[in-house]
Structure formats: C-alpha cells, structure tokens
All heavy atoms as atom14 arrays in JSON, in Angstrom:
{
  "sequence": "MYKSLQQLPDLVDEHYNEYNIYKVIEYVMMYIKWANKLIADNKPWQ",
  "atom14_mask": [
    [1, 1, 1, 1, 1, 1, 1, 1, 0, 0, 0, 0, 0, 0],
    [1, 1, 1, 1, 1, 1, 1, 1, 1, 1, 1, 1, 0, 0],
    [1, 1, 1, 1, 1, 1, 1, 1, 1, 0, 0, 0, 0, 0],
    [1, 1, 1, 1, 1, 1, 0, 0, 0, 0, 0, 0, 0, 0],
    [1, 1, 1, 1, 1, 1, 1, 1, 0, 0, 0, 0, 0, 0],
    [1, 1, 1, 1, 1, 1, 1, 1, 1, 0, 0, 0, 0, 0],
    [1, 1, 1, 1, 1, 1, 1, 1, 1, 0, 0, 0, 0, 0],
    [1, 1, 1, 1, 1, 1, 1, 1, 0, 0, 0, 0, 0, 0],
    [1, 1, 1, 1, 1, 1, 1, 0, 0, 0, 0, 0, 0, 0],
    [1, 1, 1, 1, 1, 1, 1, 1, 0, 0, 0, 0, 0, 0],
    [1, 1, 1, 1, 1, 1, 1, 1, 0, 0, 0, 0, 0, 0],
    [1, 1, 1, 1, 1, 1, 1, 0, 0, 0, 0, 0, 0, 0],
    [1, 1, 1, 1, 1, 1, 1, 1, 0, 0, 0, 0, 0, 0],
    [1, 1, 1, 1, 1, 1, 1, 1, 1, 0, 0, 0, 0, 0],
    [1, 1, 1, 1, 1, 1, 1, 1, 1, 1, 0, 0, 0, 0],
    [1, 1, 1, 1, 1, 1, 1, 1, 1, 1, 1, 1, 0, 0],
    [1, 1, 1, 1, 1, 1, 1, 1, 0, 0, 0, 0, 0, 0],
    [1, 1, 1, 1, 1, 1, 1, 1, 1, 0, 0, 0, 0, 0],
    [1, 1, 1, 1, 1, 1, 1, 1, 1, 1, 1, 1, 0, 0],
    [1, 1, 1, 1, 1, 1, 1, 1, 0, 0, 0, 0, 0, 0],
    [1, 1, 1, 1, 1, 1, 1, 1, 0, 0, 0, 0, 0, 0],
    [1, 1, 1, 1, 1, 1, 1, 1, 1, 1, 1, 1, 0, 0],
    [1, 1, 1, 1, 1, 1, 1, 1, 1, 0, 0, 0, 0, 0],
    [1, 1, 1, 1, 1, 1, 1, 0, 0, 0, 0, 0, 0, 0],
    [1, 1, 1, 1, 1, 1, 1, 1, 0, 0, 0, 0, 0, 0],
    [1, 1, 1, 1, 1, 1, 1, 1, 1, 0, 0, 0, 0, 0],
    [1, 1, 1, 1, 1, 1, 1, 1, 1, 1, 1, 1, 0, 0],
    [1, 1, 1, 1, 1, 1, 1, 0, 0, 0, 0, 0, 0, 0],
    [1, 1, 1, 1, 1, 1, 1, 1, 0, 0, 0, 0, 0, 0],
    [1, 1, 1, 1, 1, 1, 1, 1, 0, 0, 0, 0, 0, 0],
    [1, 1, 1, 1, 1, 1, 1, 1, 1, 1, 1, 1, 0, 0],
    [1, 1, 1, 1, 1, 1, 1, 1, 0, 0, 0, 0, 0, 0],
    [1, 1, 1, 1, 1, 1, 1, 1, 1, 0, 0, 0, 0, 0],
    [1, 1, 1, 1, 1, 1, 1, 1, 1, 1, 1, 1, 1, 1],
    [1, 1, 1, 1, 1, 0, 0, 0, 0, 0, 0, 0, 0, 0],
    [1, 1, 1, 1, 1, 1, 1, 1, 0, 0, 0, 0, 0, 0],
    [1, 1, 1, 1, 1, 1, 1, 1, 1, 0, 0, 0, 0, 0],
    [1, 1, 1, 1, 1, 1, 1, 1, 0, 0, 0, 0, 0, 0],
    [1, 1, 1, 1, 1, 1, 1, 1, 0, 0, 0, 0, 0, 0],
    [1, 1, 1, 1, 1, 0, 0, 0, 0, 0, 0, 0, 0, 0],
    [1, 1, 1, 1, 1, 1, 1, 1, 0, 0, 0, 0, 0, 0],
    [1, 1, 1, 1, 1, 1, 1, 1, 0, 0, 0, 0, 0, 0],
    [1, 1, 1, 1, 1, 1, 1, 1, 1, 0, 0, 0, 0, 0],
    [1, 1, 1, 1, 1, 1, 1, 0, 0, 0, 0, 0, 0, 0],
    [1, 1, 1, 1, 1, 1, 1, 1, 1, 1, 1, 1, 1, 1],
    [1, 1, 1, 1, 1, 1, 1, 1, 1, 0, 0, 0, 0, 0]
  ],
  "atom14_positions": [
    [[-10.01, -42.57, 2.6], [-8.68, -42.15, 1.92], [-7.52, -42.66, 2.79], [-6.61, -43.16, 2.26], [-8.81, -40.69, 1.77], [-7.6, -40.21, 0.85], [-7.75, -40.73, -0.78], [-6.44, -39.76, -1.6], [0.0, 0.0, 0.0], [0.0, 0.0, 0.0], [0.0, 0.0, 0.0], [0.0, 0.0, 0.0], [0.0, 0.0, 0.0], [0.0, 0.0, 0.0]],
    [[-7.65, -42.31, 4.18], [-6.45, -42.64, 5.05], [-6.13, -44.13, 5.1], [-5.06, -44.55, 4.96], [-6.77, -42.09, 6.47], [-5.75, -42.49, 7.52], [-4.59, -41.98, 7.42], [-6.14, -43.38, 8.39], [-3.56, -42.37, 8.36], [-5.23, -43.74, 9.48], [-3.88, -43.32, 9.42], [-2.91, -43.68, 10.37], [0.0, 0.0, 0.0], [0.0, 0.0, 0.0]],
    [[-7.21, -44.88, 5.28], [-7.06, -46.33, 5.35], [-6.54, -46.93, 3.98], [-5.88, -48.17, 3.98], [-8.4, -47.02, 5.84], [-8.63, -46.63, 7.18], [-9.93, -47.52, 7.78], [-10.1, -47.18, 9.16], [-11.29, -47.97, 9.8], [0.0, 0.0, 0.0], [0.0, 0.0, 0.0], [0.0, 0.0, 0.0], [0.0, 0.0, 0.0], [0.0, 0.0, 0.0]],
    [[-6.88, -46.29, 2.84], [-6.49, -46.88, 1.6], [-4.95, -46.7, 1.45], [-4.33, -47.3, 0.51], [-7.14, -46.24, 0.45], [-6.65, -44.66, 0.32], [0.0, 0.0, 0.0], [0.0, 0.0, 0.0], [0.0, 0.0, 0.0], [0.0, 0.0, 0.0], [0.0, 0.0, 0.0], [0.0, 0.0, 0.0], [0.0, 0.0, 0.0], [0.0, 0.0, 0.0]],
    [[-4.21, -45.96, 2.35], [-2.76, -45.98, 2.29], [-2.2, -47.24, 2.32], [-1.04, -47.55, 1.88], [-2.21, -45.02, 3.42], [-2.14, -43.51, 3.22], [-1.89, -42.84, 4.51], [-1.13, -43.28, 2.13], [0.0, 0.0, 0.0], [0.0, 0.0, 0.0], [0.0, 0.0, 0.0], [0.0, 0.0, 0.0], [0.0, 0.0, 0.0], [0.0, 0.0, 0.0]],
    [[-2.84, -48.26, 3.06], [-2.29, -49.54, 3.2], [-2.16, -50.32, 1.88], [-1.3, -51.14, 1.8], [-3.14, -50.37, 4.32], [-4.49, -50.65, 3.92], [-5.24, -51.29, 5.1], [-4.79, -52.09, 5.82], [-6.38, -50.63, 5.37], [0.0, 0.0, 0.0], [0.0, 0.0, 0.0], [0.0, 0.0, 0.0], [0.0, 0.0, 0.0], [0.0, 0.0, 0.0]],
    [[-3.03, -49.91, 0.94], [-2.86, -50.6, -0.39], [-1.9, -49.93, -1.28], [-1.64, -50.45, -2.45], [-4.22, -50.68, -1.08], [-5.18, -51.7, -0.65], [-6.06, -51.18, 0.53], [-6.56, -50.16, 0.59], [-6.21, -52.05, 1.58], [0.0, 0.0, 0.0], [0.0, 0.0, 0.0], [0.0, 0.0, 0.0], [0.0, 0.0, 0.0], [0.0, 0.0, 0.0]],
    [[-1.44, -48.84, -0.96], [-0.54, -47.94, -1.87], [0.75, -48.67, -2.26], [1.03, -48.58, -3.42], [-0.28, -46.62, -1.3], [0.31, -45.62, -2.11], [-0.27, -45.36, -3.42], [0.65, -44.23, -1.45], [0.0, 0.0, 0.0], [0.0, 0.0, 0.0], [0.0, 0.0, 0.0], [0.0, 0.0, 0.0], [0.0, 0.0, 0.0], [0.0, 0.0, 0.0]],
    [[1.5, -49.4, -1.34], [2.62, -50.0, -1.8], [2.42, -51.05, -2.93], [3.16, -51.18, -3.88], [3.2, -50.62, -0.54], [2.57, -49.83, 0.68], [1.4, -49.32, 0.21], [0.0, 0.0, 0.0], [0.0, 0.0, 0.0], [0.0, 0.0, 0.0], [0.0, 0.0, 0.0], [0.0, 0.0, 0.0], [0.0, 0.0, 0.0], [0.0, 0.0, 0.0]],
    [[1.39, -51.76, -2.81], [1.13, -52.76, -3.78], [0.72, -52.06, -5.12], [1.08, -52.63, -6.3], [-0.04, -53.67, -3.42], [0.32, -54.64, -2.29], [1.43, -54.95, -2.19], [-0.56, -55.08, -1.56], [0.0, 0.0, 0.0], [0.0, 0.0, 0.0], [0.0, 0.0, 0.0], [0.0, 0.0, 0.0], [0.0, 0.0, 0.0], [0.0, 0.0, 0.0]],
    [[-0.07, -51.11, -5.11], [-0.49, -50.37, -6.29], [0.78, -49.77, -7.1], [0.98, -49.86, -8.22], [-1.47, -49.12, -5.87], [-2.78, -49.62, -5.6], [-3.7, -48.36, -5.06], [-3.57, -50.24, -6.75], [0.0, 0.0, 0.0], [0.0, 0.0, 0.0], [0.0, 0.0, 0.0], [0.0, 0.0, 0.0], [0.0, 0.0, 0.0], [0.0, 0.0, 0.0]],
    [[1.75, -49.03, -6.28], [2.88, -48.49, -6.99], [3.74, -49.54, -7.45], [4.57, -49.33, -8.35], [3.46, -47.32, -6.03], [2.43, -46.3, -5.84], [4.0, -48.0, -4.76], [0.0, 0.0, 0.0], [0.0, 0.0, 0.0], [0.0, 0.0, 0.0], [0.0, 0.0, 0.0], [0.0, 0.0, 0.0], [0.0, 0.0, 0.0], [0.0, 0.0, 0.0]],
    [[3.88, -50.69, -6.72], [4.71, -51.83, -7.12], [4.5, -52.15, -8.57], [5.33, -52.37, -9.38], [4.62, -52.92, -6.19], [5.59, -54.11, -6.48], [6.8, -53.78, -6.66], [5.04, -55.2, -6.73], [0.0, 0.0, 0.0], [0.0, 0.0, 0.0], [0.0, 0.0, 0.0], [0.0, 0.0, 0.0], [0.0, 0.0, 0.0], [0.0, 0.0, 0.0]],
    [[3.25, -52.3, -8.92], [2.9, -52.63, -10.32], [3.32, -51.57, -11.25], [3.87, -51.94, -12.3], [1.28, -52.81, -10.42], [0.78, -53.06, -11.81], [-0.65, -53.19, -11.83], [-1.33, -53.22, -10.72], [-1.2, -53.22, -13.03], [0.0, 0.0, 0.0], [0.0, 0.0, 0.0], [0.0, 0.0, 0.0], [0.0, 0.0, 0.0], [0.0, 0.0, 0.0]],
    [[3.33, -50.35, -10.81], [3.65, -49.34, -11.84], [5.21, -49.16, -11.93], [5.76, -48.86, -13.04], [2.94, -47.9, -11.45], [1.57, -47.95, -11.55], [0.96, -48.35, -12.78], [0.58, -47.63, -10.67], [-0.42, -48.25, -12.6], [-0.62, -47.87, -11.39], [0.0, 0.0, 0.0], [0.0, 0.0, 0.0], [0.0, 0.0, 0.0], [0.0, 0.0, 0.0]],
    [[5.85, -49.2, -10.78], [7.3, -49.48, -10.81], [7.78, -50.49, -11.72], [8.68, -50.32, -12.61], [7.93, -49.56, -9.43], [8.3, -48.34, -8.69], [7.58, -47.98, -7.53], [9.08, -47.39, -9.24], [8.07, -46.85, -6.78], [9.4, -46.28, -8.49], [8.85, -46.03, -7.24], [9.16, -44.79, -6.68], [0.0, 0.0, 0.0], [0.0, 0.0, 0.0]],
    [[7.14, -51.74, -11.6], [7.5, -52.84, -12.48], [7.31, -52.69, -13.9], [7.98, -53.33, -14.78], [6.76, -54.08, -12.0], [7.37, -54.47, -10.73], [8.32, -54.44, -10.23], [6.41, -55.36, -9.88], [0.0, 0.0, 0.0], [0.0, 0.0, 0.0], [0.0, 0.0, 0.0], [0.0, 0.0, 0.0], [0.0, 0.0, 0.0], [0.0, 0.0, 0.0]],
    [[6.31, -51.94, -14.2], [6.03, -51.52, -15.63], [6.66, -50.24, -16.09], [6.49, -49.83, -17.26], [4.52, -51.44, -15.9], [3.76, -52.81, -15.69], [4.21, -53.79, -16.66], [4.36, -53.48, -17.83], [4.31, -55.02, -16.42], [0.0, 0.0, 0.0], [0.0, 0.0, 0.0], [0.0, 0.0, 0.0], [0.0, 0.0, 0.0], [0.0, 0.0, 0.0]],
    [[7.47, -49.65, -15.31], [8.22, -48.52, -15.64], [7.38, -47.23, -15.89], [7.52, -46.31, -16.63], [9.14, -48.59, -16.88], [10.52, -49.39, -16.57], [10.4, -50.77, -15.97], [11.64, -48.85, -16.73], [11.47, -51.23, -15.75], [12.73, -49.41, -16.52], [12.84, -50.82, -16.01], [13.86, -51.41, -15.74], [0.0, 0.0, 0.0], [0.0, 0.0, 0.0]],
    [[6.17, -47.27, -15.34], [5.17, -46.27, -15.31], [5.37, -45.32, -14.27], [4.42, -45.22, -13.33], [3.74, -46.78, -15.46], [3.41, -47.41, -16.74], [3.92, -47.06, -17.74], [2.66, -48.49, -16.67], [0.0, 0.0, 0.0], [0.0, 0.0, 0.0], [0.0, 0.0, 0.0], [0.0, 0.0, 0.0], [0.0, 0.0, 0.0], [0.0, 0.0, 0.0]],
    [[6.42, -44.64, -14.11], [6.87, -43.88, -12.89], [5.88, -42.64, -12.79], [5.51, -42.19, -11.74], [8.26, -43.38, -12.99], [9.19, -44.5, -13.39], [8.73, -42.81, -11.63], [9.15, -45.78, -12.49], [0.0, 0.0, 0.0], [0.0, 0.0, 0.0], [0.0, 0.0, 0.0], [0.0, 0.0, 0.0], [0.0, 0.0, 0.0], [0.0, 0.0, 0.0]],
    [[5.4, -42.23, -13.82], [4.46, -41.06, -13.76], [3.19, -41.41, -12.97], [2.56, -40.55, -12.26], [4.15, -40.6, -15.16], [3.11, -41.35, -15.89], [1.75, -40.8, -16.0], [3.36, -42.59, -16.49], [0.72, -41.56, -16.7], [2.33, -43.31, -17.32], [1.1, -42.77, -17.27], [0.11, -43.55, -17.81], [0.0, 0.0, 0.0], [0.0, 0.0, 0.0]],
    [[2.78, -42.62, -13.1], [1.7, -43.15, -12.37], [1.93, -43.22, -10.92], [1.04, -42.99, -9.88], [1.13, -44.4, -12.93], [0.27, -44.35, -14.13], [-0.3, -45.53, -14.5], [-1.32, -45.41, -15.68], [-2.39, -44.58, -15.34], [0.0, 0.0, 0.0], [0.0, 0.0, 0.0], [0.0, 0.0, 0.0], [0.0, 0.0, 0.0], [0.0, 0.0, 0.0]],
    [[3.17, -43.59, -10.52], [3.55, -43.61, -9.11], [3.46, -42.21, -8.5], [2.93, -41.97, -7.46], [4.98, -44.09, -8.92], [5.46, -43.99, -7.45], [5.11, -45.53, -9.43], [0.0, 0.0, 0.0], [0.0, 0.0, 0.0], [0.0, 0.0, 0.0], [0.0, 0.0, 0.0], [0.0, 0.0, 0.0], [0.0, 0.0, 0.0], [0.0, 0.0, 0.0]],
    [[4.04, -41.21, -9.42], [3.9, -39.79, -8.84], [2.34, -39.32, -8.73], [2.07, -38.6, -7.82], [4.76, -38.97, -9.91], [6.12, -39.26, -9.72], [4.39, -37.43, -9.6], [7.05, -38.51, -10.75], [0.0, 0.0, 0.0], [0.0, 0.0, 0.0], [0.0, 0.0, 0.0], [0.0, 0.0, 0.0], [0.0, 0.0, 0.0], [0.0, 0.0, 0.0]],
    [[1.57, -39.94, -9.71], [0.14, -39.45, -9.73], [-0.49, -39.79, -8.31], [-1.24, -39.12, -7.69], [-0.51, -39.94, -10.88], [-0.27, -39.24, -12.2], [-1.31, -39.96, -13.25], [-1.93, -40.96, -12.96], [-1.11, -39.37, -14.43], [0.0, 0.0, 0.0], [0.0, 0.0, 0.0], [0.0, 0.0, 0.0], [0.0, 0.0, 0.0], [0.0, 0.0, 0.0]],
    [[-0.21, -41.07, -7.89], [-0.83, -41.69, -6.68], [-0.34, -40.93, -5.42], [-1.01, -40.51, -4.63], [-0.38, -43.12, -6.53], [-1.39, -44.08, -7.14], [-1.09, -44.78, -8.32], [-2.74, -44.26, -6.69], [-2.05, -45.68, -8.93], [-3.65, -45.1, -7.24], [-3.21, -45.82, -8.37], [-4.15, -46.57, -8.94], [0.0, 0.0, 0.0], [0.0, 0.0, 0.0]],
    [[1.12, -40.64, -5.51], [1.63, -39.94, -4.27], [1.02, -38.58, -4.28], [0.66, -38.1, -3.1], [3.16, -39.89, -4.6], [3.83, -38.87, -3.62], [3.74, -41.26, -4.3], [0.0, 0.0, 0.0], [0.0, 0.0, 0.0], [0.0, 0.0, 0.0], [0.0, 0.0, 0.0], [0.0, 0.0, 0.0], [0.0, 0.0, 0.0], [0.0, 0.0, 0.0]],
    [[1.04, -37.78, -5.31], [0.51, -36.42, -5.25], [-0.9, -36.35, -5.08], [-1.45, -35.33, -4.29], [0.86, -35.71, -6.57], [2.44, -35.51, -6.9], [3.31, -34.95, -5.33], [2.55, -33.27, -5.0], [0.0, 0.0, 0.0], [0.0, 0.0, 0.0], [0.0, 0.0, 0.0], [0.0, 0.0, 0.0], [0.0, 0.0, 0.0], [0.0, 0.0, 0.0]],
    [[-1.63, -37.41, -5.3], [-3.06, -37.49, -4.88], [-3.15, -37.36, -3.42], [-4.05, -36.64, -2.81], [-3.76, -38.61, -5.43], [-5.18, -38.81, -5.04], [-5.83, -40.38, -5.67], [-4.97, -41.59, -4.74], [0.0, 0.0, 0.0], [0.0, 0.0, 0.0], [0.0, 0.0, 0.0], [0.0, 0.0, 0.0], [0.0, 0.0, 0.0], [0.0, 0.0, 0.0]],
    [[-2.44, -38.24, -2.74], [-2.43, -38.26, -1.22], [-1.77, -37.07, -0.69], [-2.4, -36.51, 0.44], [-1.62, -39.51, -0.72], [-2.44, -40.81, -0.81], [-2.21, -41.64, -1.99], [-3.33, -41.17, 0.17], [-2.93, -42.81, -2.01], [-4.08, -42.32, 0.05], [-3.84, -43.12, -1.14], [-4.6, -44.38, -1.13], [0.0, 0.0, 0.0], [0.0, 0.0, 0.0]],
    [[-0.8, -36.5, -1.16], [-0.24, -35.24, -0.67], [-1.29, -34.07, -0.81], [-1.39, -33.21, 0.21], [1.0, -34.82, -1.43], [2.08, -35.97, -1.3], [1.63, -33.53, -0.93], [2.46, -36.27, 0.35], [0.0, 0.0, 0.0], [0.0, 0.0, 0.0], [0.0, 0.0, 0.0], [0.0, 0.0, 0.0], [0.0, 0.0, 0.0], [0.0, 0.0, 0.0]],
    [[-2.02, -33.9, -1.95], [-2.98, -33.04, -2.02], [-4.07, -33.18, -1.15], [-4.75, -32.17, -0.43], [-3.48, -33.14, -3.52], [-4.62, -32.08, -3.84], [-4.94, -32.15, -5.38], [-6.05, -31.09, -5.67], [-6.46, -31.22, -7.01], [0.0, 0.0, 0.0], [0.0, 0.0, 0.0], [0.0, 0.0, 0.0], [0.0, 0.0, 0.0], [0.0, 0.0, 0.0]],
    [[-4.51, -34.4, -0.97], [-5.57, -34.59, 0.08], [-5.07, -34.31, 1.54], [-5.93, -33.59, 2.16], [-5.95, -36.21, 0.0], [-6.7, -36.69, 1.33], [-8.01, -36.4, 1.42], [-6.33, -37.42, 2.26], [-8.42, -36.98, 2.65], [-7.31, -37.62, 3.18], [-5.03, -37.97, 2.68], [-7.2, -38.26, 4.38], [-4.85, -38.62, 3.85], [-5.97, -38.83, 4.59]],
    [[-3.82, -34.54, 1.8], [-3.43, -34.17, 3.25], [-3.32, -32.59, 3.37], [-3.6, -32.15, 4.36], [-2.04, -34.83, 3.42], [0.0, 0.0, 0.0], [0.0, 0.0, 0.0], [0.0, 0.0, 0.0], [0.0, 0.0, 0.0], [0.0, 0.0, 0.0], [0.0, 0.0, 0.0], [0.0, 0.0, 0.0], [0.0, 0.0, 0.0], [0.0, 0.0, 0.0]],
    [[-2.94, -31.96, 2.29], [-3.04, -30.5, 2.41], [-4.37, -29.96, 2.62], [-4.58, -29.01, 3.36], [-2.35, -29.97, 1.08], [-0.82, -29.72, 1.23], [-0.26, -29.07, 2.1], [-0.03, -30.44, 0.31], [0.0, 0.0, 0.0], [0.0, 0.0, 0.0], [0.0, 0.0, 0.0], [0.0, 0.0, 0.0], [0.0, 0.0, 0.0], [0.0, 0.0, 0.0]],
    [[-5.19, -30.7, 1.95], [-6.64, -30.2, 2.07], [-7.3, -30.51, 3.52], [-8.04, -29.67, 4.03], [-7.54, -30.93, 1.14], [-9.11, -30.49, 1.14], [-9.72, -31.21, -0.02], [-11.27, -30.45, -0.25], [-11.95, -30.81, 1.05], [0.0, 0.0, 0.0], [0.0, 0.0, 0.0], [0.0, 0.0, 0.0], [0.0, 0.0, 0.0], [0.0, 0.0, 0.0]],
    [[-6.8, -31.65, 4.16], [-7.15, -31.83, 5.6], [-6.63, -30.7, 6.46], [-7.43, -30.16, 7.3], [-6.46, -33.27, 5.98], [-7.18, -34.46, 5.83], [-6.42, -35.74, 6.38], [-8.52, -34.49, 6.25], [0.0, 0.0, 0.0], [0.0, 0.0, 0.0], [0.0, 0.0, 0.0], [0.0, 0.0, 0.0], [0.0, 0.0, 0.0], [0.0, 0.0, 0.0]],
    [[-5.44, -30.26, 6.08], [-4.92, -29.15, 7.05], [-5.82, -27.82, 6.75], [-6.1, -27.21, 7.6], [-3.39, -28.72, 6.58], [-2.57, -30.04, 7.06], [-2.95, -27.56, 7.23], [-2.27, -30.25, 8.44], [0.0, 0.0, 0.0], [0.0, 0.0, 0.0], [0.0, 0.0, 0.0], [0.0, 0.0, 0.0], [0.0, 0.0, 0.0], [0.0, 0.0, 0.0]],
    [[-6.07, -27.65, 5.49], [-6.8, -26.28, 5.14], [-8.11, -26.4, 5.71], [-8.67, -25.42, 6.23], [-6.76, -26.15, 3.63], [0.0, 0.0, 0.0], [0.0, 0.0, 0.0], [0.0, 0.0, 0.0], [0.0, 0.0, 0.0], [0.0, 0.0, 0.0], [0.0, 0.0, 0.0], [0.0, 0.0, 0.0], [0.0, 0.0, 0.0], [0.0, 0.0, 0.0]],
    [[-8.79, -27.5, 5.61], [-10.18, -27.74, 6.07], [-10.37, -27.71, 7.66], [-11.34, -27.18, 8.07], [-10.79, -29.05, 5.6], [-11.13, -29.04, 4.07], [-10.94, -27.85, 3.47], [-11.38, -30.04, 3.48], [0.0, 0.0, 0.0], [0.0, 0.0, 0.0], [0.0, 0.0, 0.0], [0.0, 0.0, 0.0], [0.0, 0.0, 0.0], [0.0, 0.0, 0.0]],
    [[-9.42, -28.23, 8.29], [-9.54, -28.39, 9.8], [-8.78, -27.38, 10.63], [-8.89, -27.3, 11.85], [-9.01, -29.8, 10.12], [-10.04, -30.88, 9.69], [-11.09, -31.12, 10.14], [-9.57, -31.63, 8.79], [0.0, 0.0, 0.0], [0.0, 0.0, 0.0], [0.0, 0.0, 0.0], [0.0, 0.0, 0.0], [0.0, 0.0, 0.0], [0.0, 0.0, 0.0]],
    [[-8.01, -26.61, 9.9], [-7.41, -25.36, 10.49], [-6.7, -25.6, 11.9], [-7.2, -25.26, 12.9], [-8.45, -24.24, 10.74], [-9.03, -23.69, 9.45], [-10.18, -22.72, 9.71], [-10.71, -22.14, 8.46], [-11.46, -23.21, 7.63], [0.0, 0.0, 0.0], [0.0, 0.0, 0.0], [0.0, 0.0, 0.0], [0.0, 0.0, 0.0], [0.0, 0.0, 0.0]],
    [[-5.6, -26.45, 11.83], [-4.82, -26.84, 13.12], [-4.46, -25.53, 13.92], [-4.38, -25.56, 15.17], [-3.67, -27.6, 12.69], [-3.64, -27.28, 11.16], [-4.81, -26.95, 10.78], [0.0, 0.0, 0.0], [0.0, 0.0, 0.0], [0.0, 0.0, 0.0], [0.0, 0.0, 0.0], [0.0, 0.0, 0.0], [0.0, 0.0, 0.0], [0.0, 0.0, 0.0]],
    [[-4.19, -24.42, 13.3], [-3.95, -23.19, 14.11], [-5.11, -22.79, 14.9], [-4.8, -22.06, 15.83], [-3.45, -22.16, 13.03], [-4.48, -21.79, 11.86], [-5.37, -21.0, 11.83], [-4.47, -22.52, 10.61], [-6.15, -20.98, 10.77], [-5.56, -21.95, 9.92], [-3.63, -23.42, 10.01], [-5.88, -22.33, 8.7], [-3.98, -23.88, 8.78], [-4.96, -23.29, 7.98]],
    [[-6.27, -23.13, 14.58], [-7.46, -22.86, 15.42], [-7.59, -23.97, 16.44], [-8.02, -23.67, 17.68], [-8.71, -22.71, 14.55], [-8.73, -21.62, 13.54], [-8.74, -20.22, 14.19], [-9.21, -20.08, 15.3], [-8.37, -19.31, 13.48], [0.0, 0.0, 0.0], [0.0, 0.0, 0.0], [0.0, 0.0, 0.0], [0.0, 0.0, 0.0], [0.0, 0.0, 0.0]]
  ]
}
C-alpha cells in the first residue's frame, strides 16, 4: 500500500482530466483511512 503511493499521481491525473473529481477523493480517502489504521494498529503512544 505504501509503495503504491508512487502510482497515485498518474491515477488521479486521469480522473482530473475526465472531471471525475469524486474518484480523486475516493483514492485520497482510501490512503488516509489506511494511514489512520496504521496508527491505530501500531499504537505509537506505546
């Protein structure tokens, strides 16, 4: 998941060009949700 970030600009470029902004948001929030889960699972406060 982390390494797939490098393909994200190309993926969202296609959706920006097609005016599918909701898909850009879907991709972004998928990564934000995953990163929040990383925090919850690994408990940095511990």
